[in-house]
C-alpha atoms as a PDB file:
ATOM      1  CA  UNK A   1      38.551  10.279 118.221  1.00  0.00           C
ATOM      2  CA  UNK A   2      41.574  12.300 119.578  1.00  0.00           C
ATOM      3  CA  UNK A   3      41.592  14.432 116.418  1.00  0.00           C
ATOM      4  CA  UNK A   4      37.900  15.041 116.687  1.00  0.00           C
ATOM      5  CA  UNK A   5      38.301  16.100 120.321  1.00  0.00           C
ATOM      6  CA  UNK A   6      41.146  18.480 119.504  1.00  0.00           C
ATOM      7  CA  UNK A   7      38.811  20.111 116.792  1.00  0.00           C
ATOM      8  CA  UNK A   8      35.979  20.577 119.164  1.00  0.00           C
ATOM      9  CA  UNK A   9      38.460  21.999 121.731  1.00  0.00           C
ATOM     10  CA  UNK A  10      39.635  24.644 119.360  1.00  0.00           C
ATOM     11  CA  UNK A  11      42.130  23.354 116.857  1.00  0.00           C
ATOM     12  CA  UNK A  12      41.976  25.956 114.109  1.00  0.00           C
ATOM     13  CA  UNK A  13      38.626  26.891 115.564  1.00  0.00           C
ATOM     14  CA  UNK A  14      37.868  29.126 118.493  1.00  0.00           C
ATOM     15  CA  UNK A  15      41.531  29.824 119.093  1.00  0.00           C
ATOM     16  CA  UNK A  16      42.002  31.899 115.892  1.00  0.00           C
ATOM     17  CA  UNK A  17      38.652  32.048 113.998  1.00  0.00           C
ATOM     18  CA  UNK A  18      36.078  34.571 115.546  1.00  0.00           C
ATOM     19  CA  UNK A  19      32.927  32.865 116.882  1.00  0.00           C
ATOM     20  CA  UNK A  20      29.457  34.518 116.123  1.00  0.00           C
ATOM     21  CA  UNK A  21      29.234  37.510 118.557  1.00  0.00           C
ATOM     22  CA  UNK A  22      32.856  37.640 119.165  1.00  0.00           C
ATOM     23  CA  UNK A  23      34.262  40.692 117.394  1.00  0.00           C
ATOM     24  CA  UNK A  24      37.692  41.008 116.028  1.00  0.00           C
ATOM     25  CA  UNK A  25      38.207  43.998 118.417  1.00  0.00           C
ATOM     26  CA  UNK A  26      37.532  41.905 121.413  1.00  0.00           C
ATOM     27  CA  UNK A  27      39.777  39.066 120.004  1.00  0.00           C
ATOM     28  CA  UNK A  28      42.296  41.694 119.201  1.00  0.00           C
ATOM     29  CA  UNK A  29      42.293  43.051 122.888  1.00  0.00           C
ATOM     30  CA  UNK A  30      42.477  39.459 124.379  1.00  0.00           C
ATOM     31  CA  UNK A  31      45.426  38.688 122.207  1.00  0.00           C
ATOM     32  CA  UNK A  32      47.251  41.699 123.219  1.00  0.00           C
ATOM     33  CA  UNK A  33      46.554  40.844 126.924  1.00  0.00           C
ATOM     34  CA  UNK A  34      47.647  37.374 126.458  1.00  0.00           C
ATOM     35  CA  UNK A  35      50.774  38.528 124.613  1.00  0.00           C
ATOM     36  CA  UNK A  36      51.612  40.875 127.309  1.00  0.00           C
ATOM     37  CA  UNK A  37      51.132  38.703 130.269  1.00  0.00           C
ATOM     38  CA  UNK A  38      53.460  35.900 128.542  1.00  0.00           C
ATOM     39  CA  UNK A  39      55.869  38.456 127.977  1.00  0.00           C
ATOM     40  CA  UNK A  40      56.027  39.731 131.443  1.00  0.00           C
ATOM     41  CA  UNK A  41      56.380  36.145 132.630  1.00  0.00           C
ATOM     42  CA  UNK A  42      59.578  35.434 130.452  1.00  0.00           C
ATOM     43  CA  UNK A  43      60.978  39.048 131.471  1.00  0.00           C
ATOM     44  CA  UNK A  44      60.647  38.124 135.176  1.00  0.00           C
ATOM     45  CA  UNK A  45      62.361  34.807 134.459  1.00  0.00           C
ATOM     46  CA  UNK A  46      65.128  36.389 132.484  1.00  0.00           C
ATOM     47  CA  UNK A  47      65.673  39.086 135.139  1.00  0.00           C
ATOM     48  CA  UNK A  48      65.858  36.461 137.944  1.00  0.00           C
ATOM     49  CA  UNK A  49      69.579  35.936 136.726  1.00  0.00           C
ATOM     50  CA  UNK A  50      70.746  39.431 135.855  1.00  0.00           C
ATOM     51  CA  UNK A  51      74.230  38.733 135.269  1.00  0.00           C
ATOM     52  CA  UNK A  52      73.485  36.027 132.829  1.00  0.00           C
ATOM     53  CA  UNK A  53      70.964  38.375 131.075  1.00  0.00           C
ATOM     54  CA  UNK A  54      73.747  41.209 130.955  1.00  0.00           C
ATOM     55  CA  UNK A  55      76.365  38.967 129.437  1.00  0.00           C
ATOM     56  CA  UNK A  56      73.721  37.680 126.622  1.00  0.00           C
ATOM     57  CA  UNK A  57      72.649  41.071 125.863  1.00  0.00           C
ATOM     58  CA  UNK A  58      76.386  42.201 125.525  1.00  0.00           C
ATOM     59  CA  UNK A  59      77.133  39.025 123.442  1.00  0.00           C
ATOM     60  CA  UNK A  60      74.195  39.764 121.239  1.00  0.00           C
ATOM     61  CA  UNK A  61      75.362  43.508 120.774  1.00  0.00           C
ATOM     62  CA  UNK A  62      78.848  42.445 119.980  1.00  0.00           C
ATOM     63  CA  UNK A  63      77.909  39.688 117.643  1.00  0.00           C
ATOM     64  CA  UNK A  64      75.568  41.845 115.558  1.00  0.00           C
ATOM     65  CA  UNK A  65      78.036  44.627 115.418  1.00  0.00           C
ATOM     66  CA  UNK A  66      80.537  42.299 113.537  1.00  0.00           C
ATOM     67  CA  UNK A  67      78.284  43.040 110.513  1.00  0.00           C
ATOM     68  CA  UNK A  68      79.126  46.872 110.673  1.00  0.00           C
ATOM     69  CA  UNK A  69      82.718  45.951 111.294  1.00  0.00           C
ATOM     70  CA  UNK A  70      82.775  44.125 108.096  1.00  0.00           C
ATOM     71  CA  UNK A  71      81.561  47.311 106.393  1.00  0.00           C
ATOM     72  CA  UNK A  72      84.221  49.442 108.054  1.00  0.00           C
ATOM     73  CA  UNK A  73      86.786  47.084 106.827  1.00  0.00           C
ATOM     74  CA  UNK A  74      85.512  47.453 103.138  1.00  0.00           C
ATOM     75  CA  UNK A  75      85.813  51.325 103.689  1.00  0.00           C
ATOM     76  CA  UNK A  76      89.369  50.992 104.588  1.00  0.00           C
ATOM     77  CA  UNK A  77      89.998  50.049 101.116  1.00  0.00           C
ATOM     78  CA  UNK A  78      87.490  51.981  99.166  1.00  0.00           C
ATOM     79  CA  UNK A  79      85.861  55.261  99.414  1.00  0.00           C
ATOM     80  CA  UNK A  80      82.464  54.479  98.165  1.00  0.00           C
ATOM     81  CA  UNK A  81      80.349  51.158  97.693  1.00  0.00           C
ATOM     82  CA  UNK A  82      78.024  51.124  94.996  1.00  0.00           C
ATOM     83  CA  UNK A  83      78.357  54.943  94.904  1.00  0.00           C
ATOM     84  CA  UNK A  84      77.329  55.365  98.527  1.00  0.00           C
ATOM     85  CA  UNK A  85      79.638  56.820 101.090  1.00  0.00           C
ATOM     86  CA  UNK A  86      80.129  55.334 104.670  1.00  0.00           C
ATOM     87  CA  UNK A  87      77.616  57.729 106.361  1.00  0.00           C
ATOM     88  CA  UNK A  88      74.997  56.987 103.656  1.00  0.00           C
ATOM     89  CA  UNK A  89      75.424  53.164 104.268  1.00  0.00           C
ATOM     90  CA  UNK A  90      75.636  53.624 107.909  1.00  0.00           C
ATOM     91  CA  UNK A  91      72.062  55.242 107.582  1.00  0.00           C
ATOM     92  CA  UNK A  92      70.872  52.168 105.682  1.00  0.00           C
ATOM     93  CA  UNK A  93      72.363  49.879 108.132  1.00  0.00           C
ATOM     94  CA  UNK A  94      70.870  51.569 111.198  1.00  0.00           C
ATOM     95  CA  UNK A  95      67.415  51.748 109.848  1.00  0.00           C
ATOM     96  CA  UNK A  96      67.528  48.015 108.854  1.00  0.00           C
ATOM     97  CA  UNK A  97      68.997  46.811 112.045  1.00  0.00           C
ATOM     98  CA  UNK A  98      66.677  48.682 114.283  1.00  0.00           C
ATOM     99  CA  UNK A  99      63.565  47.768 112.404  1.00  0.00           C
ATOM    100  CA  UNK A 100      64.675  44.163 112.317  1.00  0.00           C
ATOM    101  CA  UNK A 101      65.722  43.979 115.784  1.00  0.00           C
ATOM    102  CA  UNK A 102      62.305  45.436 117.013  1.00  0.00           C
ATOM    103  CA  UNK A 103      60.446  42.627 115.056  1.00  0.00           C
ATOM    104  CA  UNK A 104      62.946  40.099 116.215  1.00  0.00           C
ATOM    105  CA  UNK A 105      62.338  41.361 119.797  1.00  0.00           C
ATOM    106  CA  UNK A 106      58.586  41.385 119.630  1.00  0.00           C
ATOM    107  CA  UNK A 107      57.824  37.983 117.502  1.00  0.00           C
ATOM    108  CA  UNK A 108      61.267  36.530 116.870  1.00  0.00           C
ATOM    109  CA  UNK A 109      60.186  33.260 118.555  1.00  0.00           C
ATOM    110  CA  UNK A 110      57.864  32.550 115.538  1.00  0.00           C
ATOM    111  CA  UNK A 111      60.577  30.374 114.002  1.00  0.00           C
ATOM    112  CA  UNK A 112      60.073  27.868 116.631  1.00  0.00           C
ATOM    113  CA  UNK A 113      56.641  26.920 115.338  1.00  0.00           C
ATOM    114  CA  UNK A 114      58.035  24.081 113.097  1.00  0.00           C
ATOM    115  CA  UNK A 115      59.376  22.396 115.992  1.00  0.00           C
ATOM    116  CA  UNK A 116      56.059  22.611 117.807  1.00  0.00           C
ATOM    117  CA  UNK A 117      54.318  21.155 114.734  1.00  0.00           C
ATOM    118  CA  UNK A 118      56.645  18.184 114.682  1.00  0.00           C
ATOM    119  CA  UNK A 119      56.496  17.330 118.278  1.00  0.00           C
ATOM    120  CA  UNK A 120      52.838  18.001 118.650  1.00  0.00           C
ATOM    121  CA  UNK A 121      53.225  20.714 121.522  1.00  0.00           C
ATOM    122  CA  UNK A 122      51.374  23.028 119.421  1.00  0.00           C
ATOM    123  CA  UNK A 123      48.287  21.231 120.702  1.00  0.00           C
ATOM    124  CA  UNK A 124      48.804  22.738 124.293  1.00  0.00           C
ATOM    125  CA  UNK A 125      48.345  26.241 122.951  1.00  0.00           C
ATOM    126  CA  UNK A 126      45.297  25.430 120.784  1.00  0.00           C
ATOM    127  CA  UNK A 127      43.254  24.527 123.932  1.00  0.00           C
ATOM    128  CA  UNK A 128      44.234  27.576 125.810  1.00  0.00           C
ATOM    129  CA  UNK A 129      41.651  30.311 125.954  1.00  0.00           C
ATOM    130  CA  UNK A 130      43.923  32.760 123.937  1.00  0.00           C
ATOM    131  CA  UNK A 131      44.903  33.513 120.334  1.00  0.00           C
ATOM    132  CA  UNK A 132      47.384  30.970 119.276  1.00  0.00           C
ATOM    133  CA  UNK A 133      49.256  33.787 117.319  1.00  0.00           C
ATOM    134  CA  UNK A 134      49.792  35.852 120.558  1.00  0.00           C
ATOM    135  CA  UNK A 135      51.003  32.661 122.478  1.00  0.00           C
ATOM    136  CA  UNK A 136      53.491  31.674 119.751  1.00  0.00           C
ATOM    137  CA  UNK A 137      54.837  35.198 119.250  1.00  0.00           C
ATOM    138  CA  UNK A 138      55.427  35.737 123.038  1.00  0.00           C
ATOM    139  CA  UNK A 139      56.980  32.330 123.615  1.00  0.00           C
ATOM    140  CA  UNK A 140      60.463  32.353 125.013  1.00  0.00           C
ATOM    141  CA  UNK A 141      60.691  36.102 124.758  1.00  0.00           C
ATOM    142  CA  UNK A 142      64.155  37.105 124.451  1.00  0.00           C
ATOM    143  CA  UNK A 143      64.831  40.487 126.105  1.00  0.00           C
ATOM    144  CA  UNK A 144      68.662  39.976 125.185  1.00  0.00           C
ATOM    145  CA  UNK A 145      67.644  40.793 121.596  1.00  0.00           C
ATOM    146  CA  UNK A 146      67.705  44.478 122.665  1.00  0.00           C
ATOM    147  CA  UNK A 147      71.378  44.271 122.068  1.00  0.00           C
ATOM    148  CA  UNK A 148      70.672  44.333 118.298  1.00  0.00           C
ATOM    149  CA  UNK A 149      68.371  47.276 118.724  1.00  0.00           C
ATOM    150  CA  UNK A 150      70.963  49.363 120.633  1.00  0.00           C
ATOM    151  CA  UNK A 151      73.812  48.578 118.323  1.00  0.00           C
ATOM    152  CA  UNK A 152      71.712  49.628 115.299  1.00  0.00           C
ATOM    153  CA  UNK A 153      70.666  52.783 117.222  1.00  0.00           C
ATOM    154  CA  UNK A 154      74.280  53.726 117.882  1.00  0.00           C
ATOM    155  CA  UNK A 155      75.162  53.106 114.139  1.00  0.00           C
ATOM    156  CA  UNK A 156      72.018  55.329 113.049  1.00  0.00           C
ATOM    157  CA  UNK A 157      73.189  58.040 115.465  1.00  0.00           C
ATOM    158  CA  UNK A 158      76.722  58.139 113.962  1.00  0.00           C
ATOM    159  CA  UNK A 159      75.004  58.416 110.305  1.00  0.00           C
ATOM    160  CA  UNK A 160      72.750  61.135 111.421  1.00  0.00           C
ATOM    161  CA  UNK A 161      75.533  63.186 112.753  1.00  0.00           C
ATOM    162  CA  UNK A 162      77.821  62.648 109.791  1.00  0.00           C
ATOM    163  CA  UNK A 163      75.640  62.298 106.740  1.00  0.00           C
ATOM    164  CA  UNK A 164      75.215  65.203 104.310  1.00  0.00           C
ATOM    165  CA  UNK A 165      71.467  65.794 104.160  1.00  0.00           C
ATOM    166  CA  UNK A 166      69.338  68.908 104.093  1.00  0.00           C
ATOM    167  CA  UNK A 167      66.933  68.086 107.044  1.00  0.00           C
ATOM    168  CA  UNK A 168      63.506  69.355 105.923  1.00  0.00           C
ATOM    169  CA  UNK A 169      60.412  68.639 107.982  1.00  0.00           C
ATOM    170  CA  UNK A 170      59.444  65.914 105.628  1.00  0.00           C
ATOM    171  CA  UNK A 171      62.855  64.051 105.926  1.00  0.00           C
ATOM    172  CA  UNK A 172      62.736  64.378 109.466  1.00  0.00           C
ATOM    173  CA  UNK A 173      59.206  62.781 109.798  1.00  0.00           C
ATOM    174  CA  UNK A 174      60.078  60.057 107.455  1.00  0.00           C
ATOM    175  CA  UNK A 175      62.770  58.837 109.806  1.00  0.00           C
ATOM    176  CA  UNK A 176      60.536  57.278 112.541  1.00  0.00           C
ATOM    177  CA  UNK A 177      57.888  56.361 109.920  1.00  0.00           C
ATOM    178  CA  UNK A 178      60.614  54.146 108.337  1.00  0.00           C
ATOM    179  CA  UNK A 179      61.542  52.402 111.618  1.00  0.00           C
ATOM    180  CA  UNK A 180      57.885  51.555 112.606  1.00  0.00           C
ATOM    181  CA  UNK A 181      56.946  50.648 109.141  1.00  0.00           C
ATOM    182  CA  UNK A 182      60.069  48.358 108.686  1.00  0.00           C
ATOM    183  CA  UNK A 183      59.437  46.697 111.898  1.00  0.00           C
ATOM    184  CA  UNK A 184      56.029  45.798 110.896  1.00  0.00           C
ATOM    185  CA  UNK A 185      57.032  44.551 107.370  1.00  0.00           C
ATOM    186  CA  UNK A 186      59.577  42.234 109.237  1.00  0.00           C
ATOM    187  CA  UNK A 187      56.908  41.131 111.548  1.00  0.00           C
ATOM    188  CA  UNK A 188      54.677  40.246 108.585  1.00  0.00           C
ATOM    189  CA  UNK A 189      57.636  38.133 107.196  1.00  0.00           C
ATOM    190  CA  UNK A 190      58.090  36.146 110.457  1.00  0.00           C
ATOM    191  CA  UNK A 191      54.360  35.397 110.632  1.00  0.00           C
ATOM    192  CA  UNK A 192      54.157  34.571 107.004  1.00  0.00           C
ATOM    193  CA  UNK A 193      57.330  32.308 107.307  1.00  0.00           C
ATOM    194  CA  UNK A 194      55.503  30.813 110.437  1.00  0.00           C
ATOM    195  CA  UNK A 195      52.530  29.957 108.473  1.00  0.00           C
ATOM    196  CA  UNK A 196      54.517  28.264 105.808  1.00  0.00           C
ATOM    197  CA  UNK A 197      55.952  26.047 108.595  1.00  0.00           C
ATOM    198  CA  UNK A 198      52.373  24.448 109.101  1.00  0.00           C
ATOM    199  CA  UNK A 199      52.984  22.973 105.742  1.00  0.00           C
ATOM    200  CA  UNK A 200      56.667  22.378 105.463  1.00  0.00           C
ATOM    201  CA  UNK A 201      57.000  21.504 109.283  1.00  0.00           C
ATOM    202  CA  UNK A 202      60.933  22.052 109.023  1.00  0.00           C
ATOM    203  CA  UNK A 203      61.438  25.414 107.094  1.00  0.00           C
ATOM    204  CA  UNK A 204      62.905  27.660 109.865  1.00  0.00           C
ATOM    205  CA  UNK A 205      65.986  28.008 107.722  1.00  0.00           C
ATOM    206  CA  UNK A 206      63.806  28.987 104.768  1.00  0.00           C
ATOM    207  CA  UNK A 207      62.078  31.639 107.012  1.00  0.00           C
ATOM    208  CA  UNK A 208      65.635  32.889 108.234  1.00  0.00           C
ATOM    209  CA  UNK A 209      66.729  33.402 104.715  1.00  0.00           C
ATOM    210  CA  UNK A 210      64.013  35.994 104.342  1.00  0.00           C
ATOM    211  CA  UNK A 211      64.311  37.521 107.794  1.00  0.00           C
ATOM    212  CA  UNK A 212      67.875  37.399 108.954  1.00  0.00           C
ATOM    213  CA  UNK A 213      68.857  37.380 105.267  1.00  0.00           C
ATOM    214  CA  UNK A 214      66.569  40.231 104.426  1.00  0.00           C
ATOM    215  CA  UNK A 215      67.949  42.660 106.986  1.00  0.00           C
ATOM    216  CA  UNK A 216      71.693  41.852 105.944  1.00  0.00           C
ATOM    217  CA  UNK A 217      70.587  42.555 102.378  1.00  0.00           C
ATOM    218  CA  UNK A 218      69.080  45.809 103.276  1.00  0.00           C
ATOM    219  CA  UNK A 219      72.278  46.951 105.033  1.00  0.00           C
ATOM    220  CA  UNK A 220      73.863  47.544 101.652  1.00  0.00           C
ATOM    221  CA  UNK A 221      72.723  50.002  98.871  1.00  0.00           C
ATOM    222  CA  UNK A 222      70.589  48.526  96.033  1.00  0.00           C
ATOM    223  CA  UNK A 223      73.213  49.820  93.571  1.00  0.00           C
ATOM    224  CA  UNK A 224      75.503  46.810  94.349  1.00  0.00           C
ATOM    225  CA  UNK A 225      72.805  44.169  93.642  1.00  0.00           C
ATOM    226  CA  UNK A 226      71.391  42.808  90.392  1.00  0.00           C
ATOM    227  CA  UNK A 227      68.246  44.475  88.822  1.00  0.00           C
ATOM    228  CA  UNK A 228      66.248  41.252  89.133  1.00  0.00           C
ATOM    229  CA  UNK A 229      67.055  40.960  92.744  1.00  0.00           C
ATOM    230  CA  UNK A 230      66.102  44.432  93.480  1.00  0.00           C
ATOM    231  CA  UNK A 231      62.954  44.165  91.713  1.00  0.00           C
ATOM    232  CA  UNK A 232      62.144  40.946  93.660  1.00  0.00           C
ATOM    233  CA  UNK A 233      62.367  42.743  96.995  1.00  0.00           C
ATOM    234  CA  UNK A 234      60.533  45.577  95.836  1.00  0.00           C
ATOM    235  CA  UNK A 235      57.455  43.947  94.123  1.00  0.00           C
ATOM    236  CA  UNK A 236      57.347  40.464  95.310  1.00  0.00           C
ATOM    237  CA  UNK A 237      58.470  40.583  99.084  1.00  0.00           C
ATOM    238  CA  UNK A 238      58.638  44.338  99.516  1.00  0.00           C
ATOM    239  CA  UNK A 239      61.718  44.563 101.902  1.00  0.00           C
ATOM    240  CA  UNK A 240      62.806  47.605  99.825  1.00  0.00           C
ATOM    241  CA  UNK A 241      60.210  49.782 101.683  1.00  0.00           C
ATOM    242  CA  UNK A 242      61.948  49.142 105.075  1.00  0.00           C
ATOM    243  CA  UNK A 243      64.877  51.484 104.011  1.00  0.00           C
ATOM    244  CA  UNK A 244      65.930  51.558 100.309  1.00  0.00           C
ATOM    245  CA  UNK A 245      62.964  53.446  98.960  1.00  0.00           C
ATOM    246  CA  UNK A 246      62.392  56.024 101.539  1.00  0.00           C
ATOM    247  CA  UNK A 247      65.877  56.358 102.281  1.00  0.00           C
ATOM    248  CA  UNK A 248      66.443  57.314  98.856  1.00  0.00           C
ATOM    249  CA  UNK A 249      64.300  60.388  99.360  1.00  0.00           C
ATOM    250  CA  UNK A 250      66.097  61.334 102.622  1.00  0.00           C
ATOM    251  CA  UNK A 251      69.563  61.048 100.813  1.00  0.00           C
ATOM    252  CA  UNK A 252      68.469  62.611  97.603  1.00  0.00           C
ATOM    253  CA  UNK A 253      69.447  59.479  95.582  1.00  0.00           C
ATOM    254  CA  UNK A 254      67.885  58.085  92.613  1.00  0.00           C
ATOM    255  CA  UNK A 255      65.063  55.629  93.470  1.00  0.00           C
ATOM    256  CA  UNK A 256      65.579  51.919  92.964  1.00  0.00           C
ATOM    257  CA  UNK A 257      64.232  50.735  89.524  1.00  0.00           C
ATOM    258  CA  UNK A 258      63.440  54.335  88.709  1.00  0.00           C
ATOM    259  CA  UNK A 259      60.127  54.140  90.855  1.00  0.00           C
ATOM    260  CA  UNK A 260      58.301  57.593  91.098  1.00  0.00           C
ATOM    261  CA  UNK A 261      59.037  59.894  94.079  1.00  0.00           C
ATOM    262  CA  UNK A 262      55.835  59.497  95.814  1.00  0.00           C
ATOM    263  CA  UNK A 263      56.788  55.818  96.448  1.00  0.00           C
ATOM    264  CA  UNK A 264      59.044  56.909  99.195  1.00  0.00           C
ATOM    265  CA  UNK A 265      55.980  57.699 101.340  1.00  0.00           C
ATOM    266  CA  UNK A 266      54.255  54.355 100.870  1.00  0.00           C
ATOM    267  CA  UNK A 267      55.871  52.391 103.516  1.00  0.00           C
ATOM    268  CA  UNK A 268      53.116  52.462 106.093  1.00  0.00           C
ATOM    269  CA  UNK A 269      50.542  51.206 103.479  1.00  0.00           C
ATOM    270  CA  UNK A 270      52.982  48.566 102.500  1.00  0.00           C
ATOM    271  CA  UNK A 271      53.432  47.530 105.926  1.00  0.00           C
ATOM    272  CA  UNK A 272      49.623  47.311 106.523  1.00  0.00           C
ATOM    273  CA  UNK A 273      49.055  45.334 103.207  1.00  0.00           C
ATOM    274  CA  UNK A 274      51.933  42.907 104.300  1.00  0.00           C
ATOM    275  CA  UNK A 275      50.330  42.422 107.756  1.00  0.00           C
ATOM    276  CA  UNK A 276      47.047  41.716 106.371  1.00  0.00           C
ATOM    277  CA  UNK A 277      48.436  38.980 103.875  1.00  0.00           C
ATOM    278  CA  UNK A 278      50.435  37.349 106.672  1.00  0.00           C
ATOM    279  CA  UNK A 279      47.372  37.330 108.890  1.00  0.00           C
ATOM    280  CA  UNK A 280      45.373  35.600 106.080  1.00  0.00           C
ATOM    281  CA  UNK A 281      48.306  32.994 105.603  1.00  0.00           C
ATOM    282  CA  UNK A 282      48.380  32.397 109.245  1.00  0.00           C
ATOM    283  CA  UNK A 283      44.566  31.671 109.481  1.00  0.00           C
ATOM    284  CA  UNK A 284      44.858  29.404 106.511  1.00  0.00           C
ATOM    285  CA  UNK A 285      48.033  27.557 107.742  1.00  0.00           C
ATOM    286  CA  UNK A 286      46.352  27.010 111.165  1.00  0.00           C
ATOM    287  CA  UNK A 287      43.227  25.349 109.592  1.00  0.00           C
ATOM    288  CA  UNK A 288      45.678  22.912 107.797  1.00  0.00           C
ATOM    289  CA  UNK A 289      47.059  21.636 111.209  1.00  0.00           C
ATOM    290  CA  UNK A 290      46.025  18.244 111.907  1.00  0.00           C
ATOM    291  CA  UNK A 291      48.191  17.564 114.979  1.00  0.00           C
ATOM    292  CA  UNK A 292      50.557  14.496 115.378  1.00  0.00           C
ATOM    293  CA  UNK A 293      47.897  12.294 116.751  1.00  0.00           C
ATOM    294  CA  UNK A 294      49.959  11.624 119.857  1.00  0.00           C
END
């Protein structure tokens, strides 16, 4: 009886599947509004303790910076890594860190979904008059994650100041396109991983392997990895379009897997495709949810 009541109240129904006469545009507007309100609430909560926020943001900045310190230590012993000089790797690192940092800031809380599925607290989101995806994405919004974005931005600034590149209009335009497209690709990975947790229920570490692990992978040039791994992150989970493929055009480097040159400009289309597939996976996952029965 409880399960029937939940379904009538919106479990996998009105919360995420449009009713007749309720357009996708309206649902998108409602989702953005709900997300914005929840985020504003968490920001107000965070800024109530400004000293604590400052310390956590600085800690996040320093912790993520250790990755680049490791790269600097490598270059204290070698001149190139996989044929790439330090400024070139700094460019890859900065692009990957900013893209992932923006996605982590926006919807990094998606990895908490498995816990909500296990303890049944997802039910409270299903009966609210707002899309579940917007609620889960904005839950516990962590403004401290700006530290990663800032750290990546500083490394990218260093790379742009030192890398030897002929900055044509096409290369300049591709830089912001890479950041936005990369952030959307990582957002799609977050949502797809959360959808998988509807089935696995305890798969946050599996999701982290593709999100946090993916950004670490992209901080290094593709030439240091095996061909099969590069093929996997190009054609299966297309993380290579975050920076490897478009950055090859910017740096004048050979494309991974000898891809054609026009692939460097495909990042926006790849991002849209990934988001569409992640949305379908989310709807399919939500429809399988049956609550804990408690």
